Amino acid sequence: MKAKLGIAPIAWWNDDLEELSDDVSLQECLRQASVAGFTGMETGRRFPMDMDELGLLLTKHSMSVCGGWFSGQLLDGDMDMEKDRIAEQLDFFKAAGAPCLVYGETARSIQGIKSAPLATKPKLTEAEIAAYGRKVSDFADWCVHNGMPLAYHHHMAAVIETEDELDLLMKHSSVPLLFDTGHMAFAGGEVLRVIEKHHNRISHVHVKDVRRNVVDEINREQESFLDAVVKGAFTVPGDGSLDFEEIVKALAANGYEGWFVVEAEQNPKISPPLEMAKKGHKELIRVMALSGYAVE
C-alpha cells in the first residue's frame, strides 16, 4: 500500500477569513511544509497559476501540487460557464501533474459568511440532489475528458454537508469523492461508517482533526462556520479528538492509495503553522506504519 503526505496552505493563509493568516511568503510556506516532512501542497490564493513561475519554487523545496480547491457554482449555474471558469485552473493542474482538482460547491453556501448561523445552511430535497448529482457527474466527466479528474469535497455550511446528504449525492452521481474527516465529524457523521459505505468512491483524503469540546459547544442556531474556525474547531491529526489510527487502518483495509492531505484551518498566531505541520506529520507517519502504508 502506497501513500503520499501533503498539506494545504490554509494553515498559513485562510481563504475565507483573510485575517486568520500568517505574514509569510509562498516560498516560506513551501519551505516550512518541506521541513515538516511533506512532499505535496494544495494550492491557495497566493499561488500563481503558472508553472513557469511556480515550478522553480516547488523544485527548490522538493514539493509537488497535490490538489487544490475550485469554487464551483453548478447548483445554480450554467454548465458552459463553469467550464469557462475552471479552464485556466484545469490547464494549470495538468501542467503541474496534480492528482485531482477539488470541487467545492459554493452556490448558496454560507461557509464564508461570518454572520450566517450554521443552522441556516442550504438544504435540498432528494429530487434536487439527484438533479444536482447528474449535473456534477457530467461536469466531472468533462474534466476527465480534458485531462484532469475531479474530487467532490463535502463541506460544512454547504449544500452537501451531512452524512445523509453525502449518501444521496453518492447515490445519484458518479463523481469521485474527496473524503474530509474533520468536516464529516463536525457535521455529525460517523467517519468510519462513511468510509465503509463509500470507500470505492474515495479518490482523495483530507486528514483534518476536530476538537470535540469546541465543536460540541458551538451554538448552530447563532454561530457560523467561521465562528467555529476562529474558536479552534479544527486542528491537525494528533492534536484533536479523532482516532486517526482507526481512520487510516479503515482506508487501508478498503484499498485506498494516494494522497493524505492535512487541511486544518486555524489561527496561525495561536497555532504556529510549522509547529502544527510537524505534529500532524508525526502522527500520520505513526499511523501509516501501523496501517501497512509505505509513505513515498
Protein backbone atom coordinates (compact mmCIF):
# COMPACT_ATOMS: atom_id res chain seq x y z
CA MET A 1 0.00 0.00 0.00
CA LYS A 2 1.40 3.37 -1.02
CA ALA A 3 0.62 6.79 0.39
CA LYS A 4 1.80 10.35 -0.11
CA LEU A 5 1.58 13.07 2.52
CA GLY A 6 0.55 16.59 1.61
CA ILE A 7 -0.66 19.71 3.34
CA ALA A 8 -2.89 22.66 2.46
CA PRO A 9 -1.75 26.30 2.75
CA ILE A 10 -4.87 27.14 4.76
CA ALA A 11 -2.77 26.67 7.92
CA TRP A 12 -0.74 29.68 6.78
CA TRP A 13 -3.33 31.72 4.83
CA ASN A 14 -7.08 31.37 5.33
CA ASP A 15 -9.00 32.00 2.11
CA ASP A 16 -12.40 32.52 3.79
CA LEU A 17 -11.20 34.75 6.63
CA GLU A 18 -8.06 36.51 5.50
CA GLU A 19 -7.30 37.97 8.92
CA LEU A 20 -6.54 34.40 10.05
CA SER A 21 -3.35 34.40 8.01
CA ASP A 22 0.37 34.40 8.67
CA ASP A 23 2.54 37.09 7.13
CA VAL A 24 4.80 34.74 5.18
CA SER A 25 5.67 34.40 1.51
CA LEU A 26 4.76 31.47 -0.70
CA GLN A 27 8.40 30.40 -0.63
CA GLU A 28 8.46 30.39 3.17
CA CYS A 29 5.19 28.44 3.28
CA LEU A 30 6.65 25.79 0.97
CA ARG A 31 9.89 25.73 2.94
CA GLN A 32 8.08 25.13 6.23
CA ALA A 33 5.90 22.39 4.73
CA SER A 34 9.01 20.67 3.37
CA VAL A 35 10.86 20.99 6.70
CA ALA A 36 7.85 19.37 8.40
CA GLY A 37 8.24 16.37 6.08
CA PHE A 38 5.50 16.86 3.48
CA THR A 39 6.11 16.33 -0.24
CA GLY A 40 2.95 17.93 -1.63
CA MET A 41 0.89 21.05 -1.13
CA GLU A 42 -2.54 22.01 -2.35
CA THR A 43 -2.90 25.41 -3.97
CA GLY A 44 -4.37 28.54 -2.39
CA ARG A 45 -4.92 32.21 -3.06
CA ARG A 46 -1.22 33.12 -3.06
CA PHE A 47 -0.29 30.50 -5.66
CA PRO A 48 0.41 31.68 -9.22
CA MET A 49 -1.47 29.74 -11.88
CA ASP A 50 1.74 29.42 -13.88
CA MET A 51 4.18 26.52 -13.70
CA ASP A 52 6.94 28.66 -15.22
CA GLU A 53 6.74 30.75 -12.06
CA LEU A 54 5.71 28.12 -9.51
CA GLY A 55 7.74 25.19 -10.80
CA LEU A 56 11.09 26.59 -9.66
CA LEU A 57 9.78 27.11 -6.11
CA LEU A 58 8.30 23.61 -5.97
CA THR A 59 11.55 22.05 -7.18
CA LYS A 60 13.61 24.07 -4.72
CA HIS A 61 11.63 22.68 -1.79
CA SER A 62 11.06 19.16 -3.23
CA MET A 63 7.31 19.73 -3.35
CA SER A 64 4.54 18.99 -5.84
CA VAL A 65 0.98 20.21 -6.32
CA CYS A 66 -1.28 17.62 -4.66
CA GLY A 67 -4.64 19.22 -5.43
CA GLY A 68 -6.46 22.47 -4.84
CA TRP A 69 -9.89 24.00 -4.41
CA PHE A 70 -12.22 25.23 -7.14
CA SER A 71 -15.26 27.25 -6.01
CA GLY A 72 -17.97 25.66 -8.11
CA GLN A 73 -21.37 27.17 -8.89
CA LEU A 74 -23.01 24.24 -10.69
CA LEU A 75 -26.00 24.11 -8.34
CA ASP A 76 -27.42 27.31 -9.80
CA GLY A 77 -25.01 27.99 -12.65
CA ASP A 78 -24.68 27.22 -16.32
CA MET A 79 -22.52 24.23 -17.31
CA ASP A 80 -20.73 26.04 -20.12
CA MET A 81 -19.99 28.98 -17.85
CA GLU A 82 -18.48 26.64 -15.25
CA LYS A 83 -16.31 25.06 -17.94
CA ASP A 84 -15.02 28.52 -18.83
CA ARG A 85 -14.43 29.38 -15.16
CA ILE A 86 -12.42 26.23 -14.45
CA ALA A 87 -10.43 26.15 -17.71
CA GLU A 88 -7.36 28.09 -16.52
CA GLN A 89 -7.06 26.12 -13.28
CA LEU A 90 -7.60 22.84 -15.10
CA ASP A 91 -4.80 23.62 -17.55
CA PHE A 92 -2.51 24.67 -14.71
CA PHE A 93 -3.22 21.47 -12.77
CA LYS A 94 -2.42 19.38 -15.84
CA ALA A 95 0.88 21.21 -16.25
CA ALA A 96 1.62 20.72 -12.55
CA GLY A 97 0.86 16.99 -12.65
CA ALA A 98 -1.74 17.32 -9.89
CA PRO A 99 -3.69 14.18 -8.93
CA CYS A 100 -7.06 15.92 -8.99
CA LEU A 101 -8.90 19.22 -8.86
CA VAL A 102 -11.01 19.65 -5.71
CA TYR A 103 -14.58 20.72 -6.43
CA GLY A 104 -16.35 22.60 -3.63
CA GLU A 105 -19.93 23.75 -4.23
CA THR A 106 -20.21 27.39 -3.15
CA ALA A 107 -23.61 28.22 -4.63
CA ARG A 108 -25.93 29.06 -1.69
CA SER A 109 -23.13 28.11 0.71
CA ILE A 110 -22.77 30.12 3.92
CA GLN A 111 -19.28 28.84 4.71
CA GLY A 112 -17.71 32.23 4.09
CA ILE A 113 -20.41 34.36 5.76
CA LYS A 114 -19.47 35.09 9.35
CA SER A 115 -22.93 36.40 10.21
CA ALA A 116 -24.78 33.29 8.92
CA PRO A 117 -25.51 30.66 11.61
CA LEU A 118 -24.75 27.05 10.71
CA ALA A 119 -28.44 26.18 11.06
CA THR A 120 -29.23 28.37 8.03
CA LYS A 121 -27.21 26.24 5.60
CA PRO A 122 -28.90 25.37 2.29
CA LYS A 123 -30.98 22.19 2.19
CA LEU A 124 -32.12 20.21 -0.84
CA THR A 125 -34.72 17.51 -1.37
CA GLU A 126 -33.63 14.13 -2.69
CA ALA A 127 -35.05 15.05 -6.10
CA GLU A 128 -32.99 18.24 -6.11
CA ILE A 129 -29.84 16.34 -5.06
CA ALA A 130 -30.50 13.81 -7.83
CA ALA A 131 -30.69 16.56 -10.46
CA TYR A 132 -27.61 18.21 -8.99
CA GLY A 133 -25.77 14.88 -8.91
CA ARG A 134 -26.38 14.35 -12.63
CA LYS A 135 -25.05 17.83 -13.35
CA VAL A 136 -21.92 17.35 -11.22
CA SER A 137 -21.30 13.94 -12.83
CA ASP A 138 -21.47 15.41 -16.33
CA PHE A 139 -19.06 18.16 -15.29
CA ALA A 140 -16.66 15.64 -13.72
CA ASP A 141 -16.79 13.53 -16.89
CA TRP A 142 -15.91 16.61 -18.94
CA CYS A 143 -12.97 17.38 -16.66
CA VAL A 144 -11.62 13.81 -17.01
CA HIS A 145 -12.06 14.02 -20.79
CA ASN A 146 -9.95 17.18 -20.66
CA GLY A 147 -7.19 15.54 -18.66
CA MET A 148 -7.92 16.29 -15.01
CA PRO A 149 -10.07 14.23 -12.61
CA LEU A 150 -12.37 15.97 -10.17
CA ALA A 151 -12.85 15.10 -6.48
CA TYR A 152 -16.03 16.35 -4.78
CA HIS A 153 -15.49 17.99 -1.36
CA HIS A 154 -18.43 17.74 1.08
CA HIS A 155 -18.20 20.78 3.34
CA MET A 156 -19.70 22.35 6.44
CA ALA A 157 -22.28 25.05 5.69
CA ALA A 158 -22.59 23.95 2.06
CA VAL A 159 -25.29 22.11 0.17
CA ILE A 160 -23.66 18.69 0.76
CA GLU A 161 -22.66 18.72 4.43
CA THR A 162 -24.18 15.84 6.39
CA GLU A 163 -23.72 12.08 6.08
CA ASP A 164 -27.27 11.72 4.75
CA GLU A 165 -26.68 14.42 2.13
CA LEU A 166 -23.43 12.79 1.07
CA ASP A 167 -25.16 9.40 0.85
CA LEU A 168 -27.74 10.89 -1.51
CA LEU A 169 -25.11 12.58 -3.67
CA MET A 170 -23.18 9.32 -3.95
CA LYS A 171 -26.42 7.51 -4.82
CA HIS A 172 -27.35 9.97 -7.55
CA SER A 173 -23.94 10.73 -9.05
CA SER A 174 -20.77 9.08 -10.30
CA VAL A 175 -18.40 11.83 -9.14
CA PRO A 176 -15.26 10.76 -7.22
CA LEU A 177 -15.20 11.76 -3.55
CA LEU A 178 -12.78 13.83 -1.56
CA PHE A 179 -13.34 12.50 1.95
CA ASP A 180 -12.71 15.07 4.68
CA THR A 181 -12.57 13.53 8.15
CA GLY A 182 -12.98 16.81 10.03
CA HIS A 183 -15.91 18.14 8.04
CA MET A 184 -17.77 14.84 8.34
CA ALA A 185 -17.16 14.65 12.10
CA PHE A 186 -18.25 18.29 12.57
CA ALA A 187 -21.40 17.59 10.54
CA GLY A 188 -22.31 14.80 12.98
CA GLY A 189 -21.46 11.95 10.63
CA GLU A 190 -19.80 8.68 11.60
CA VAL A 191 -16.40 8.81 9.90
CA LEU A 192 -15.70 5.06 9.83
CA ARG A 193 -19.20 4.28 8.56
CA VAL A 194 -18.79 6.75 5.69
CA ILE A 195 -15.50 5.10 4.71
CA GLU A 196 -17.17 1.68 4.74
CA LYS A 197 -20.08 2.90 2.59
CA HIS A 198 -18.19 4.98 0.06
CA HIS A 199 -14.60 3.69 0.00
CA ASN A 200 -14.89 2.75 -3.66
CA ARG A 201 -15.57 6.41 -4.50
CA ILE A 202 -12.82 7.98 -2.38
CA SER A 203 -10.05 9.36 -4.59
CA HIS A 204 -8.51 11.97 -2.27
CA VAL A 205 -8.43 12.39 1.52
CA HIS A 206 -8.23 15.43 3.77
CA VAL A 207 -6.99 14.39 7.21
CA LYS A 208 -8.46 17.12 9.37
CA ASP A 209 -8.89 16.65 13.13
CA VAL A 210 -11.57 18.28 15.31
CA ARG A 211 -11.53 19.47 18.88
CA ARG A 212 -14.70 17.78 20.09
CA ASN A 213 -15.16 20.07 23.08
CA VAL A 214 -15.16 23.12 20.78
CA VAL A 215 -17.48 21.54 18.20
CA ASP A 216 -19.96 20.42 20.85
CA GLU A 217 -20.17 23.91 22.33
CA ILE A 218 -20.95 25.66 19.04
CA ASN A 219 -24.47 27.09 19.04
CA ARG A 220 -25.52 26.25 15.49
CA GLU A 221 -28.59 28.48 15.73
CA GLN A 222 -26.42 31.53 16.42
CA GLU A 223 -22.83 30.81 15.36
CA SER A 224 -21.36 30.42 11.89
CA PHE A 225 -18.81 28.10 10.32
CA LEU A 226 -16.22 30.88 10.54
CA ASP A 227 -17.05 31.43 14.21
CA ALA A 228 -16.24 27.75 14.75
CA VAL A 229 -12.94 28.08 12.88
CA VAL A 230 -11.95 31.09 14.99
CA LYS A 231 -12.79 29.17 18.16
CA GLY A 232 -10.48 26.34 17.11
CA ALA A 233 -12.87 23.64 15.93
CA PHE A 234 -10.24 22.18 13.57
CA THR A 235 -6.65 21.09 14.05
CA VAL A 236 -4.07 18.67 12.68
CA PRO A 237 -4.09 14.89 13.23
CA GLY A 238 -2.83 14.02 16.69
CA ASP A 239 -3.95 17.30 18.23
CA GLY A 240 -7.71 16.71 18.38
CA SER A 241 -10.34 14.11 19.17
CA LEU A 242 -10.40 11.80 16.12
CA ASP A 243 -8.65 8.43 16.15
CA PHE A 244 -6.50 8.54 13.03
CA GLU A 245 -5.11 5.09 13.66
CA GLU A 246 -8.64 3.71 13.20
CA ILE A 247 -9.37 6.00 10.26
CA VAL A 248 -6.19 5.22 8.33
CA LYS A 249 -6.50 1.49 9.03
CA ALA A 250 -10.06 1.60 7.65
CA LEU A 251 -8.87 3.32 4.47
CA ALA A 252 -6.05 0.79 4.11
CA ALA A 253 -8.40 -2.15 4.66
CA ASN A 254 -10.56 -0.84 1.82
CA GLY A 255 -7.66 -0.39 -0.58
CA TYR A 256 -7.21 3.37 -0.62
CA GLU A 257 -3.89 4.51 -2.06
CA GLY A 258 -2.96 8.10 -2.78
CA TRP A 259 -2.70 11.43 -1.03
CA PHE A 260 -3.44 12.13 2.61
CA VAL A 261 -3.57 15.92 2.88
CA VAL A 262 -3.54 17.80 6.17
CA GLU A 263 -6.05 20.64 5.88
CA ALA A 264 -6.55 22.37 9.21
CA GLU A 265 -7.68 25.98 9.24
CA GLN A 266 -6.58 27.65 12.47
CA ASN A 267 -5.34 31.00 13.73
CA PRO A 268 -1.61 30.87 12.91
CA LYS A 269 -0.84 33.26 15.77
CA ILE A 270 -2.30 30.74 18.24
CA SER A 271 -1.34 27.57 16.36
CA PRO A 272 2.01 28.24 14.60
CA PRO A 273 1.81 26.52 11.17
CA LEU A 274 5.27 24.93 11.20
CA GLU A 275 4.79 23.51 14.69
CA MET A 276 1.35 22.17 13.81
CA ALA A 277 2.58 20.77 10.48
CA LYS A 278 5.32 18.83 12.26
CA LYS A 279 2.81 17.47 14.78
CA GLY A 280 0.41 16.37 12.05
CA HIS A 281 3.17 14.74 10.01
CA LYS A 282 4.50 12.86 13.03
CA GLU A 283 1.05 11.43 13.78
CA LEU A 284 0.47 10.43 10.17
CA ILE A 285 3.83 8.67 9.94
CA ARG A 286 2.94 6.76 13.12
CA VAL A 287 -0.46 5.59 11.91
CA MET A 288 0.75 4.89 8.36
CA ALA A 289 3.31 2.43 9.73
CA LEU A 290 0.64 0.67 11.79
CA SER A 291 -1.70 0.51 8.80
CA GLY A 292 0.74 -1.04 6.34
CA TYR A 293 1.33 2.03 4.17
CA ALA A 294 4.68 2.80 2.57
CA VAL A 295 4.95 6.59 2.51
CA GLU A 296 6.51 7.85 -0.70
